N, C-alpha and C. Protein backbone atom coordinates (compact mmCIF):
# COMPACT_ATOMS: atom_id res chain seq x y z
N UNK A 1 -25.75 -21.26 15.14
CA UNK A 1 -24.83 -20.30 14.57
C UNK A 1 -23.46 -20.48 15.23
N UNK A 2 -22.41 -20.58 14.39
CA UNK A 2 -21.07 -20.79 14.93
C UNK A 2 -20.47 -19.48 15.40
N UNK A 3 -19.73 -19.54 16.49
CA UNK A 3 -19.07 -18.35 17.02
C UNK A 3 -17.84 -18.02 16.19
N UNK A 4 -17.59 -16.74 16.06
CA UNK A 4 -16.41 -16.29 15.33
C UNK A 4 -15.19 -16.41 16.23
N UNK A 5 -14.08 -16.77 15.63
CA UNK A 5 -12.81 -16.93 16.33
C UNK A 5 -11.81 -16.00 15.64
N UNK A 6 -11.33 -14.99 16.37
CA UNK A 6 -10.41 -14.01 15.77
C UNK A 6 -9.16 -14.67 15.20
N UNK A 7 -8.65 -15.68 15.88
CA UNK A 7 -7.44 -16.36 15.40
C UNK A 7 -7.70 -17.05 14.07
N UNK A 8 -8.89 -17.65 13.91
CA UNK A 8 -9.22 -18.30 12.63
C UNK A 8 -9.36 -17.28 11.52
N UNK A 9 -10.00 -16.15 11.83
CA UNK A 9 -10.15 -15.12 10.79
C UNK A 9 -8.79 -14.60 10.36
N UNK A 10 -7.88 -14.38 11.32
CA UNK A 10 -6.53 -13.92 10.99
C UNK A 10 -5.81 -14.95 10.12
N UNK A 11 -5.95 -16.22 10.46
CA UNK A 11 -5.34 -17.29 9.68
C UNK A 11 -5.88 -17.28 8.25
N UNK A 12 -7.19 -17.14 8.10
CA UNK A 12 -7.80 -17.12 6.77
C UNK A 12 -7.24 -15.96 5.95
N UNK A 13 -7.14 -14.79 6.57
CA UNK A 13 -6.61 -13.62 5.86
C UNK A 13 -5.15 -13.83 5.47
N UNK A 14 -4.34 -14.36 6.39
CA UNK A 14 -2.92 -14.59 6.09
C UNK A 14 -2.74 -15.60 4.97
N UNK A 15 -3.49 -16.68 5.04
CA UNK A 15 -3.38 -17.71 4.01
C UNK A 15 -3.91 -17.21 2.67
N UNK A 16 -4.92 -16.35 2.70
CA UNK A 16 -5.43 -15.77 1.46
C UNK A 16 -4.35 -14.92 0.79
N UNK A 17 -3.64 -14.12 1.57
CA UNK A 17 -2.54 -13.31 1.02
C UNK A 17 -1.50 -14.23 0.39
N UNK A 18 -1.09 -15.26 1.11
CA UNK A 18 -0.08 -16.19 0.59
C UNK A 18 -0.55 -16.85 -0.70
N UNK A 19 -1.80 -17.27 -0.73
CA UNK A 19 -2.35 -17.96 -1.89
C UNK A 19 -2.44 -17.01 -3.10
N UNK A 20 -2.88 -15.79 -2.86
CA UNK A 20 -2.97 -14.80 -3.95
C UNK A 20 -1.59 -14.53 -4.54
N UNK A 21 -0.58 -14.41 -3.69
CA UNK A 21 0.78 -14.15 -4.16
C UNK A 21 1.32 -15.37 -4.91
N UNK A 22 1.10 -16.55 -4.37
CA UNK A 22 1.66 -17.77 -4.96
C UNK A 22 0.94 -18.19 -6.24
N UNK A 23 -0.40 -18.15 -6.22
CA UNK A 23 -1.19 -18.69 -7.33
C UNK A 23 -1.81 -17.64 -8.23
N UNK A 24 -1.83 -16.38 -7.78
CA UNK A 24 -2.52 -15.35 -8.53
C UNK A 24 -4.02 -15.47 -8.30
N UNK A 25 -4.76 -14.54 -8.83
CA UNK A 25 -6.21 -14.56 -8.62
C UNK A 25 -6.89 -15.68 -9.41
N UNK A 26 -6.30 -16.07 -10.52
CA UNK A 26 -6.89 -17.17 -11.30
C UNK A 26 -6.83 -18.48 -10.52
N UNK A 27 -5.79 -18.66 -9.72
CA UNK A 27 -5.65 -19.90 -8.96
C UNK A 27 -6.24 -19.82 -7.57
N UNK A 28 -6.87 -18.69 -7.25
CA UNK A 28 -7.41 -18.50 -5.91
C UNK A 28 -8.84 -19.01 -5.85
N UNK A 29 -9.11 -19.93 -4.93
CA UNK A 29 -10.47 -20.43 -4.74
C UNK A 29 -10.71 -20.63 -3.25
N UNK A 30 -11.97 -20.62 -2.87
CA UNK A 30 -12.32 -20.84 -1.46
C UNK A 30 -11.93 -22.26 -1.04
N UNK A 31 -12.05 -23.19 -1.95
CA UNK A 31 -11.69 -24.57 -1.65
C UNK A 31 -10.20 -24.68 -1.36
N UNK A 32 -9.39 -24.06 -2.22
CA UNK A 32 -7.93 -24.09 -2.02
C UNK A 32 -7.54 -23.34 -0.75
N UNK A 33 -8.23 -22.23 -0.49
CA UNK A 33 -7.97 -21.47 0.73
C UNK A 33 -8.29 -22.32 1.96
N UNK A 34 -9.43 -22.99 1.95
CA UNK A 34 -9.81 -23.84 3.08
C UNK A 34 -8.77 -24.93 3.30
N UNK A 35 -8.30 -25.52 2.21
CA UNK A 35 -7.28 -26.58 2.32
C UNK A 35 -5.99 -26.03 2.94
N UNK A 36 -5.57 -24.84 2.52
CA UNK A 36 -4.32 -24.28 3.07
C UNK A 36 -4.47 -23.88 4.53
N UNK A 37 -5.70 -23.57 4.95
CA UNK A 37 -5.97 -23.21 6.36
C UNK A 37 -6.26 -24.43 7.22
N UNK A 38 -6.43 -25.60 6.55
CA UNK A 38 -6.86 -26.82 7.23
C UNK A 38 -8.19 -26.61 7.94
N UNK A 39 -9.10 -25.95 7.22
CA UNK A 39 -10.46 -25.68 7.69
C UNK A 39 -11.43 -26.15 6.61
N UNK A 40 -12.69 -26.23 6.97
CA UNK A 40 -13.70 -26.53 5.97
C UNK A 40 -14.08 -25.23 5.26
N UNK A 41 -14.59 -25.36 4.04
CA UNK A 41 -15.05 -24.19 3.30
C UNK A 41 -16.16 -23.50 4.08
N UNK A 42 -17.03 -24.28 4.72
CA UNK A 42 -18.13 -23.68 5.48
C UNK A 42 -17.62 -22.82 6.63
N UNK A 43 -16.46 -23.14 7.19
CA UNK A 43 -15.88 -22.31 8.25
C UNK A 43 -15.50 -20.94 7.70
N UNK A 44 -14.97 -20.90 6.49
CA UNK A 44 -14.60 -19.61 5.90
C UNK A 44 -15.84 -18.74 5.71
N UNK A 45 -16.97 -19.39 5.39
CA UNK A 45 -18.20 -18.63 5.18
C UNK A 45 -18.80 -18.09 6.48
N UNK A 46 -18.28 -18.50 7.60
CA UNK A 46 -18.67 -17.88 8.88
C UNK A 46 -18.13 -16.45 8.93
N UNK A 47 -16.99 -16.22 8.26
CA UNK A 47 -16.30 -14.93 8.33
C UNK A 47 -16.53 -14.06 7.10
N UNK A 48 -16.79 -14.68 5.97
CA UNK A 48 -16.95 -13.94 4.71
C UNK A 48 -18.14 -14.51 3.95
N UNK A 49 -18.95 -13.63 3.35
CA UNK A 49 -20.16 -14.07 2.65
C UNK A 49 -19.84 -14.95 1.44
N UNK A 50 -18.80 -14.57 0.72
CA UNK A 50 -18.40 -15.28 -0.48
C UNK A 50 -16.99 -14.84 -0.86
N UNK A 51 -16.50 -15.35 -1.97
CA UNK A 51 -15.14 -15.03 -2.41
C UNK A 51 -14.98 -13.53 -2.64
N UNK A 52 -15.97 -12.89 -3.26
CA UNK A 52 -15.89 -11.45 -3.54
C UNK A 52 -15.81 -10.64 -2.24
N UNK A 53 -16.59 -11.05 -1.24
CA UNK A 53 -16.56 -10.36 0.05
C UNK A 53 -15.20 -10.52 0.70
N UNK A 54 -14.65 -11.74 0.64
CA UNK A 54 -13.33 -11.97 1.21
C UNK A 54 -12.29 -11.08 0.53
N UNK A 55 -12.31 -11.04 -0.80
CA UNK A 55 -11.34 -10.22 -1.54
C UNK A 55 -11.52 -8.73 -1.23
N UNK A 56 -12.77 -8.29 -1.11
CA UNK A 56 -13.02 -6.89 -0.76
C UNK A 56 -12.48 -6.58 0.64
N UNK A 57 -12.83 -7.41 1.62
CA UNK A 57 -12.40 -7.17 3.00
C UNK A 57 -10.88 -7.22 3.12
N UNK A 58 -10.26 -8.16 2.42
CA UNK A 58 -8.81 -8.29 2.45
C UNK A 58 -8.14 -7.09 1.79
N UNK A 59 -8.67 -6.67 0.65
CA UNK A 59 -8.11 -5.51 -0.04
C UNK A 59 -8.23 -4.26 0.83
N UNK A 60 -9.39 -4.07 1.44
CA UNK A 60 -9.58 -2.91 2.31
C UNK A 60 -8.61 -2.95 3.48
N UNK A 61 -8.44 -4.10 4.08
CA UNK A 61 -7.51 -4.24 5.20
C UNK A 61 -6.08 -3.90 4.77
N UNK A 62 -5.62 -4.50 3.67
CA UNK A 62 -4.25 -4.30 3.23
C UNK A 62 -3.99 -2.85 2.82
N UNK A 63 -4.92 -2.26 2.09
CA UNK A 63 -4.74 -0.87 1.67
C UNK A 63 -4.79 0.08 2.86
N UNK A 64 -5.67 -0.19 3.82
CA UNK A 64 -5.76 0.65 5.01
C UNK A 64 -4.47 0.57 5.82
N UNK A 65 -3.96 -0.65 6.00
CA UNK A 65 -2.69 -0.81 6.72
C UNK A 65 -1.57 -0.04 6.02
N UNK A 66 -1.50 -0.18 4.71
CA UNK A 66 -0.43 0.45 3.95
C UNK A 66 -0.53 1.98 4.03
N UNK A 67 -1.72 2.52 3.87
CA UNK A 67 -1.89 3.97 3.93
C UNK A 67 -1.70 4.50 5.35
N UNK A 68 -2.18 3.76 6.34
CA UNK A 68 -1.97 4.18 7.73
C UNK A 68 -0.49 4.26 8.04
N UNK A 69 0.25 3.25 7.60
CA UNK A 69 1.69 3.25 7.82
C UNK A 69 2.35 4.40 7.07
N UNK A 70 1.90 4.66 5.85
CA UNK A 70 2.57 5.67 5.03
C UNK A 70 2.46 7.07 5.61
N UNK A 71 1.38 7.37 6.35
CA UNK A 71 1.24 8.73 6.90
C UNK A 71 1.49 8.77 8.40
N UNK A 72 2.01 7.68 8.96
CA UNK A 72 2.33 7.66 10.39
C UNK A 72 3.33 8.77 10.71
N UNK A 73 2.96 9.64 11.63
CA UNK A 73 3.84 10.74 12.02
C UNK A 73 3.69 12.01 11.18
N UNK A 74 2.86 11.96 10.13
CA UNK A 74 2.67 13.13 9.27
C UNK A 74 1.87 14.20 10.01
N UNK A 75 2.37 15.43 9.95
CA UNK A 75 1.67 16.55 10.58
C UNK A 75 1.32 17.57 9.49
N UNK A 76 0.16 18.17 9.63
CA UNK A 76 -0.33 19.07 8.58
C UNK A 76 0.56 20.28 8.36
N UNK A 77 1.34 20.69 9.39
CA UNK A 77 2.18 21.88 9.26
C UNK A 77 3.63 21.56 8.87
N UNK A 78 3.94 20.29 8.58
CA UNK A 78 5.28 19.93 8.12
C UNK A 78 5.54 20.59 6.77
N UNK A 79 6.81 20.85 6.49
CA UNK A 79 7.14 21.29 5.14
C UNK A 79 6.81 20.15 4.19
N UNK A 80 6.55 20.48 2.94
CA UNK A 80 6.19 19.45 1.98
C UNK A 80 7.32 18.44 1.83
N UNK A 81 8.55 18.91 1.74
CA UNK A 81 9.68 18.00 1.56
C UNK A 81 9.83 17.07 2.76
N UNK A 82 9.69 17.59 3.95
CA UNK A 82 9.78 16.77 5.16
C UNK A 82 8.66 15.73 5.19
N UNK A 83 7.45 16.14 4.86
CA UNK A 83 6.33 15.22 4.86
C UNK A 83 6.45 14.15 3.79
N UNK A 84 6.95 14.53 2.61
CA UNK A 84 7.14 13.55 1.54
C UNK A 84 8.24 12.56 1.92
N UNK A 85 9.32 13.06 2.51
CA UNK A 85 10.40 12.17 2.95
C UNK A 85 9.87 11.15 3.98
N UNK A 86 9.06 11.63 4.90
CA UNK A 86 8.47 10.75 5.91
C UNK A 86 7.61 9.67 5.24
N UNK A 87 6.79 10.07 4.27
CA UNK A 87 5.93 9.11 3.58
C UNK A 87 6.75 8.08 2.81
N UNK A 88 7.83 8.53 2.17
CA UNK A 88 8.70 7.60 1.45
C UNK A 88 9.30 6.59 2.42
N UNK A 89 9.84 7.09 3.52
CA UNK A 89 10.48 6.19 4.48
C UNK A 89 9.46 5.21 5.06
N UNK A 90 8.28 5.70 5.39
CA UNK A 90 7.23 4.84 5.93
C UNK A 90 6.80 3.78 4.92
N UNK A 91 6.65 4.17 3.67
CA UNK A 91 6.25 3.21 2.63
C UNK A 91 7.33 2.16 2.43
N UNK A 92 8.58 2.60 2.43
CA UNK A 92 9.68 1.65 2.28
C UNK A 92 9.74 0.70 3.48
N UNK A 93 9.59 1.22 4.68
CA UNK A 93 9.60 0.38 5.88
C UNK A 93 8.48 -0.66 5.82
N UNK A 94 7.30 -0.26 5.33
CA UNK A 94 6.19 -1.20 5.22
C UNK A 94 6.53 -2.29 4.20
N UNK A 95 7.14 -1.90 3.09
CA UNK A 95 7.54 -2.87 2.07
C UNK A 95 8.50 -3.90 2.67
N UNK A 96 9.47 -3.45 3.43
CA UNK A 96 10.46 -4.36 4.02
C UNK A 96 9.79 -5.29 5.03
N UNK A 97 8.89 -4.75 5.84
CA UNK A 97 8.23 -5.53 6.90
C UNK A 97 7.15 -6.46 6.36
N UNK A 98 6.50 -6.09 5.24
CA UNK A 98 5.33 -6.85 4.76
C UNK A 98 5.38 -7.08 3.24
N UNK A 99 6.42 -7.74 2.75
CA UNK A 99 6.53 -7.91 1.29
C UNK A 99 5.38 -8.69 0.67
N UNK A 100 4.85 -9.69 1.37
CA UNK A 100 3.72 -10.44 0.81
C UNK A 100 2.48 -9.58 0.68
N UNK A 101 2.24 -8.72 1.66
CA UNK A 101 1.08 -7.82 1.59
C UNK A 101 1.19 -6.91 0.37
N UNK A 102 2.38 -6.38 0.13
CA UNK A 102 2.60 -5.51 -1.03
C UNK A 102 2.33 -6.27 -2.33
N UNK A 103 2.85 -7.49 -2.42
CA UNK A 103 2.64 -8.29 -3.62
C UNK A 103 1.16 -8.62 -3.82
N UNK A 104 0.47 -8.91 -2.73
CA UNK A 104 -0.96 -9.21 -2.84
C UNK A 104 -1.73 -8.00 -3.33
N UNK A 105 -1.42 -6.81 -2.80
CA UNK A 105 -2.10 -5.59 -3.24
C UNK A 105 -1.84 -5.36 -4.73
N UNK A 106 -0.63 -5.62 -5.18
CA UNK A 106 -0.33 -5.47 -6.61
C UNK A 106 -1.19 -6.39 -7.46
N UNK A 107 -1.43 -7.59 -6.99
CA UNK A 107 -2.28 -8.54 -7.73
C UNK A 107 -3.74 -8.14 -7.68
N UNK A 108 -4.14 -7.50 -6.59
CA UNK A 108 -5.55 -7.10 -6.42
C UNK A 108 -5.86 -5.77 -7.09
N UNK A 109 -4.84 -5.05 -7.51
CA UNK A 109 -4.98 -3.67 -7.99
C UNK A 109 -5.99 -3.50 -9.13
N UNK A 110 -6.14 -4.49 -9.96
CA UNK A 110 -7.00 -4.35 -11.14
C UNK A 110 -8.32 -5.11 -10.98
N UNK A 111 -8.72 -5.34 -9.74
CA UNK A 111 -9.98 -6.04 -9.48
C UNK A 111 -11.08 -5.03 -9.13
N UNK A 112 -12.33 -5.43 -9.29
CA UNK A 112 -13.42 -4.55 -8.85
C UNK A 112 -13.37 -4.28 -7.35
N UNK A 113 -12.91 -5.25 -6.58
CA UNK A 113 -12.83 -5.07 -5.13
C UNK A 113 -11.86 -3.96 -4.75
N UNK A 114 -10.76 -3.88 -5.47
CA UNK A 114 -9.78 -2.83 -5.21
C UNK A 114 -10.42 -1.46 -5.41
N UNK A 115 -11.11 -1.29 -6.52
CA UNK A 115 -11.73 0.00 -6.83
C UNK A 115 -12.88 0.33 -5.88
N UNK A 116 -13.55 -0.69 -5.37
CA UNK A 116 -14.63 -0.45 -4.41
C UNK A 116 -14.11 0.05 -3.07
N UNK A 117 -12.85 -0.21 -2.76
CA UNK A 117 -12.29 0.25 -1.48
C UNK A 117 -11.89 1.72 -1.52
N UNK A 118 -11.70 2.28 -2.71
CA UNK A 118 -11.17 3.64 -2.83
C UNK A 118 -12.04 4.69 -2.15
N UNK A 119 -13.36 4.71 -2.32
CA UNK A 119 -14.15 5.74 -1.64
C UNK A 119 -13.99 5.73 -0.12
N UNK A 120 -13.94 4.54 0.46
CA UNK A 120 -13.77 4.45 1.91
C UNK A 120 -12.39 4.96 2.35
N UNK A 121 -11.38 4.65 1.57
CA UNK A 121 -10.03 5.11 1.90
C UNK A 121 -9.92 6.62 1.78
N UNK A 122 -10.56 7.19 0.75
CA UNK A 122 -10.55 8.65 0.60
C UNK A 122 -11.21 9.29 1.81
N UNK A 123 -12.34 8.74 2.21
CA UNK A 123 -13.05 9.29 3.37
C UNK A 123 -12.20 9.22 4.64
N UNK A 124 -11.46 8.13 4.80
CA UNK A 124 -10.64 7.93 5.99
C UNK A 124 -9.39 8.81 6.00
N UNK A 125 -8.71 8.90 4.87
CA UNK A 125 -7.38 9.53 4.85
C UNK A 125 -7.36 10.95 4.29
N UNK A 126 -8.40 11.36 3.58
CA UNK A 126 -8.43 12.69 2.96
C UNK A 126 -8.27 13.83 3.96
N UNK A 127 -8.91 13.78 5.13
CA UNK A 127 -8.76 14.93 6.04
C UNK A 127 -7.31 15.24 6.40
N UNK A 128 -6.53 14.23 6.78
CA UNK A 128 -5.14 14.46 7.16
C UNK A 128 -4.28 14.82 5.96
N UNK A 129 -4.37 14.03 4.92
CA UNK A 129 -3.55 14.30 3.74
C UNK A 129 -3.96 15.59 3.05
N UNK A 130 -5.26 15.84 2.99
CA UNK A 130 -5.75 17.05 2.33
C UNK A 130 -5.21 18.32 2.97
N UNK A 131 -5.21 18.37 4.28
CA UNK A 131 -4.72 19.56 4.99
C UNK A 131 -3.22 19.74 4.76
N UNK A 132 -2.48 18.65 4.82
CA UNK A 132 -1.04 18.71 4.56
C UNK A 132 -0.78 19.27 3.15
N UNK A 133 -1.53 18.77 2.17
CA UNK A 133 -1.34 19.22 0.78
C UNK A 133 -1.77 20.68 0.62
N UNK A 134 -2.90 21.05 1.21
CA UNK A 134 -3.37 22.45 1.13
C UNK A 134 -2.32 23.40 1.69
N UNK A 135 -1.75 23.07 2.82
CA UNK A 135 -0.73 23.92 3.44
C UNK A 135 0.50 24.04 2.54
N UNK A 136 0.89 22.93 1.92
CA UNK A 136 2.06 22.96 1.02
C UNK A 136 1.79 23.86 -0.18
N UNK A 137 0.58 23.82 -0.71
CA UNK A 137 0.23 24.68 -1.85
C UNK A 137 0.22 26.14 -1.41
N UNK A 138 -0.37 26.43 -0.25
CA UNK A 138 -0.41 27.81 0.25
C UNK A 138 0.99 28.39 0.45
N UNK A 139 1.92 27.55 0.90
CA UNK A 139 3.29 28.03 1.14
C UNK A 139 4.12 28.06 -0.14
N UNK A 140 3.55 27.64 -1.26
CA UNK A 140 4.28 27.64 -2.53
C UNK A 140 5.25 26.48 -2.66
N UNK A 141 5.09 25.45 -1.83
CA UNK A 141 5.99 24.30 -1.88
C UNK A 141 5.49 23.23 -2.86
N UNK A 142 4.29 23.42 -3.36
CA UNK A 142 3.68 22.45 -4.26
C UNK A 142 2.82 23.21 -5.26
N UNK A 143 3.11 22.99 -6.53
CA UNK A 143 2.31 23.64 -7.59
C UNK A 143 1.01 22.86 -7.78
N UNK A 144 -0.04 23.54 -8.19
CA UNK A 144 -1.29 22.86 -8.51
C UNK A 144 -1.12 22.01 -9.76
N UNK A 145 -1.68 20.82 -9.74
CA UNK A 145 -1.60 19.90 -10.89
C UNK A 145 -2.61 18.79 -10.69
N UNK A 146 -2.95 18.06 -11.74
CA UNK A 146 -3.85 16.92 -11.58
C UNK A 146 -3.24 15.89 -10.62
N UNK A 147 -4.11 15.23 -9.86
CA UNK A 147 -3.64 14.26 -8.88
C UNK A 147 -2.73 13.21 -9.52
N UNK A 148 -3.11 12.72 -10.70
CA UNK A 148 -2.35 11.65 -11.34
C UNK A 148 -0.92 12.09 -11.66
N UNK A 149 -0.76 13.35 -12.07
CA UNK A 149 0.57 13.88 -12.35
C UNK A 149 1.37 13.97 -11.05
N UNK A 150 0.71 14.50 -10.01
CA UNK A 150 1.36 14.57 -8.70
C UNK A 150 1.83 13.19 -8.26
N UNK A 151 0.95 12.19 -8.32
CA UNK A 151 1.28 10.84 -7.87
C UNK A 151 2.46 10.27 -8.66
N UNK A 152 2.43 10.45 -9.98
CA UNK A 152 3.49 9.91 -10.82
C UNK A 152 4.85 10.52 -10.47
N UNK A 153 4.87 11.80 -10.16
CA UNK A 153 6.14 12.45 -9.82
C UNK A 153 6.55 12.14 -8.38
N UNK A 154 5.58 12.16 -7.46
CA UNK A 154 5.90 12.03 -6.03
C UNK A 154 6.21 10.60 -5.60
N UNK A 155 5.51 9.60 -6.14
CA UNK A 155 5.65 8.25 -5.60
C UNK A 155 6.12 7.18 -6.58
N UNK A 156 5.90 7.35 -7.88
CA UNK A 156 6.35 6.33 -8.82
C UNK A 156 7.87 6.08 -8.72
N UNK A 157 8.69 7.12 -8.52
CA UNK A 157 10.13 6.86 -8.39
C UNK A 157 10.46 5.96 -7.20
N UNK A 158 9.73 6.11 -6.10
CA UNK A 158 9.97 5.25 -4.94
C UNK A 158 9.76 3.79 -5.30
N UNK A 159 8.69 3.50 -6.03
CA UNK A 159 8.41 2.11 -6.36
C UNK A 159 9.42 1.54 -7.35
N UNK A 160 9.98 2.38 -8.21
CA UNK A 160 11.07 1.92 -9.07
C UNK A 160 12.31 1.59 -8.24
N UNK A 161 12.62 2.45 -7.27
CA UNK A 161 13.76 2.19 -6.39
C UNK A 161 13.54 0.94 -5.55
N UNK A 162 12.31 0.73 -5.09
CA UNK A 162 11.99 -0.47 -4.31
C UNK A 162 12.22 -1.73 -5.16
N UNK A 163 11.89 -1.67 -6.44
CA UNK A 163 12.14 -2.82 -7.32
C UNK A 163 13.63 -3.11 -7.40
N UNK A 164 14.45 -2.07 -7.54
CA UNK A 164 15.91 -2.27 -7.56
C UNK A 164 16.38 -2.83 -6.22
N UNK A 165 15.84 -2.31 -5.13
CA UNK A 165 16.22 -2.78 -3.80
C UNK A 165 15.87 -4.26 -3.65
N UNK A 166 14.67 -4.63 -4.06
CA UNK A 166 14.24 -6.03 -3.94
C UNK A 166 15.12 -6.95 -4.78
N UNK A 167 15.53 -6.46 -5.95
CA UNK A 167 16.39 -7.25 -6.83
C UNK A 167 17.84 -7.27 -6.34
N UNK A 168 18.18 -6.30 -5.49
CA UNK A 168 19.56 -6.21 -5.00
C UNK A 168 20.51 -5.54 -5.96
N UNK A 169 19.97 -5.03 -7.06
CA UNK A 169 20.80 -4.36 -8.05
C UNK A 169 19.95 -3.58 -9.02
N UNK A 170 20.62 -2.84 -9.89
CA UNK A 170 19.93 -2.01 -10.88
C UNK A 170 20.60 -2.22 -12.23
N UNK A 171 20.18 -1.43 -13.21
CA UNK A 171 20.81 -1.52 -14.53
C UNK A 171 22.25 -1.04 -14.49
N UNK A 172 22.57 -0.16 -13.55
CA UNK A 172 23.89 0.44 -13.48
C UNK A 172 24.81 -0.23 -12.46
N UNK A 173 24.24 -1.03 -11.56
CA UNK A 173 25.04 -1.60 -10.48
C UNK A 173 24.48 -2.96 -10.07
N UNK A 174 25.39 -3.87 -9.73
CA UNK A 174 24.91 -5.17 -9.26
C UNK A 174 24.67 -5.19 -7.76
N UNK A 175 24.85 -4.03 -7.12
CA UNK A 175 24.55 -3.88 -5.69
C UNK A 175 23.79 -2.58 -5.50
N UNK A 176 22.56 -2.70 -5.02
CA UNK A 176 21.77 -1.50 -4.76
C UNK A 176 20.93 -1.72 -3.51
N UNK A 177 20.97 -0.73 -2.61
CA UNK A 177 20.14 -0.74 -1.41
C UNK A 177 19.57 0.65 -1.22
N UNK A 178 18.34 0.73 -0.77
CA UNK A 178 17.76 2.02 -0.40
C UNK A 178 18.26 2.38 0.99
N UNK A 179 18.74 3.60 1.13
CA UNK A 179 19.21 4.12 2.41
C UNK A 179 18.44 5.40 2.73
N UNK A 180 18.45 5.84 3.98
CA UNK A 180 17.81 7.12 4.31
C UNK A 180 18.43 8.28 3.51
N UNK A 181 19.73 8.20 3.25
CA UNK A 181 20.40 9.26 2.47
C UNK A 181 19.89 9.29 1.04
N UNK A 182 19.71 8.12 0.44
CA UNK A 182 19.18 8.05 -0.92
C UNK A 182 17.76 8.59 -0.96
N UNK A 183 16.95 8.23 0.03
CA UNK A 183 15.58 8.75 0.10
C UNK A 183 15.61 10.27 0.20
N UNK A 184 16.48 10.80 1.05
CA UNK A 184 16.58 12.25 1.20
C UNK A 184 16.94 12.94 -0.10
N UNK A 185 17.92 12.39 -0.83
CA UNK A 185 18.35 12.98 -2.10
C UNK A 185 17.24 12.91 -3.14
N UNK A 186 16.57 11.77 -3.25
CA UNK A 186 15.49 11.62 -4.23
C UNK A 186 14.34 12.57 -3.92
N UNK A 187 13.96 12.65 -2.65
CA UNK A 187 12.84 13.51 -2.25
C UNK A 187 13.17 14.97 -2.47
N UNK A 188 14.41 15.36 -2.22
CA UNK A 188 14.81 16.76 -2.45
C UNK A 188 14.60 17.13 -3.91
N UNK A 189 15.01 16.26 -4.82
CA UNK A 189 14.86 16.53 -6.26
C UNK A 189 13.38 16.52 -6.66
N UNK A 190 12.61 15.59 -6.10
CA UNK A 190 11.19 15.51 -6.43
C UNK A 190 10.46 16.74 -5.91
N UNK A 191 10.80 17.19 -4.70
CA UNK A 191 10.17 18.38 -4.16
C UNK A 191 10.44 19.59 -5.04
N UNK A 192 11.64 19.69 -5.59
CA UNK A 192 11.95 20.78 -6.53
C UNK A 192 11.05 20.70 -7.75
N UNK A 193 10.90 19.50 -8.29
CA UNK A 193 10.06 19.31 -9.48
C UNK A 193 8.61 19.66 -9.18
N UNK A 194 8.12 19.28 -8.01
CA UNK A 194 6.72 19.52 -7.68
C UNK A 194 6.46 20.99 -7.31
N UNK A 195 7.49 21.73 -7.01
CA UNK A 195 7.33 23.18 -6.84
C UNK A 195 7.24 23.88 -8.18
N UNK A 196 7.64 23.17 -9.23
CA UNK A 196 7.60 23.76 -10.56
C UNK A 196 8.94 24.34 -10.96
N UNK A 197 10.01 23.95 -10.31
CA UNK A 197 11.35 24.47 -10.62
C UNK A 197 11.96 23.72 -11.78
């Protein structure tokens, strides 16, 4: 039995992200991954049972990192607007620091592996996020609504702004950058909408 090497596993994960972004899932194979890592395919199987296991483990890792970063510093007694602003800034910072990871997650979003990670993520992050949300509802800072409606109002605008930021411009301007001031203004308006104003 071959010993596991943490550096090799990290390399495999990094190269998998690069390959998924560059080639998409249709072009992703264990053979191509082994070639990009300069390892044998059998070495990859020391770390992952098969391609599906690798994609599941990678998706879980990337989503966990992204969610952990997004709630870093969040406290259950924060005002809703303050907590949302923090989450926006954290998500944006993660995007800037890890653009390939974000792109890989986008490609993995419609896979069975992505959906299989959701129960584990809910179990991990629900306690902290749930308490924050419950407190916001109790204080009247957040109206009750279906989760999907909440998500579309609270976070979809951030991802639209991130697209403009990545492009360096928008439909209205050939120069666009996300700033803390812009995040503050957007979150203030979103918080008003989510209160039901």
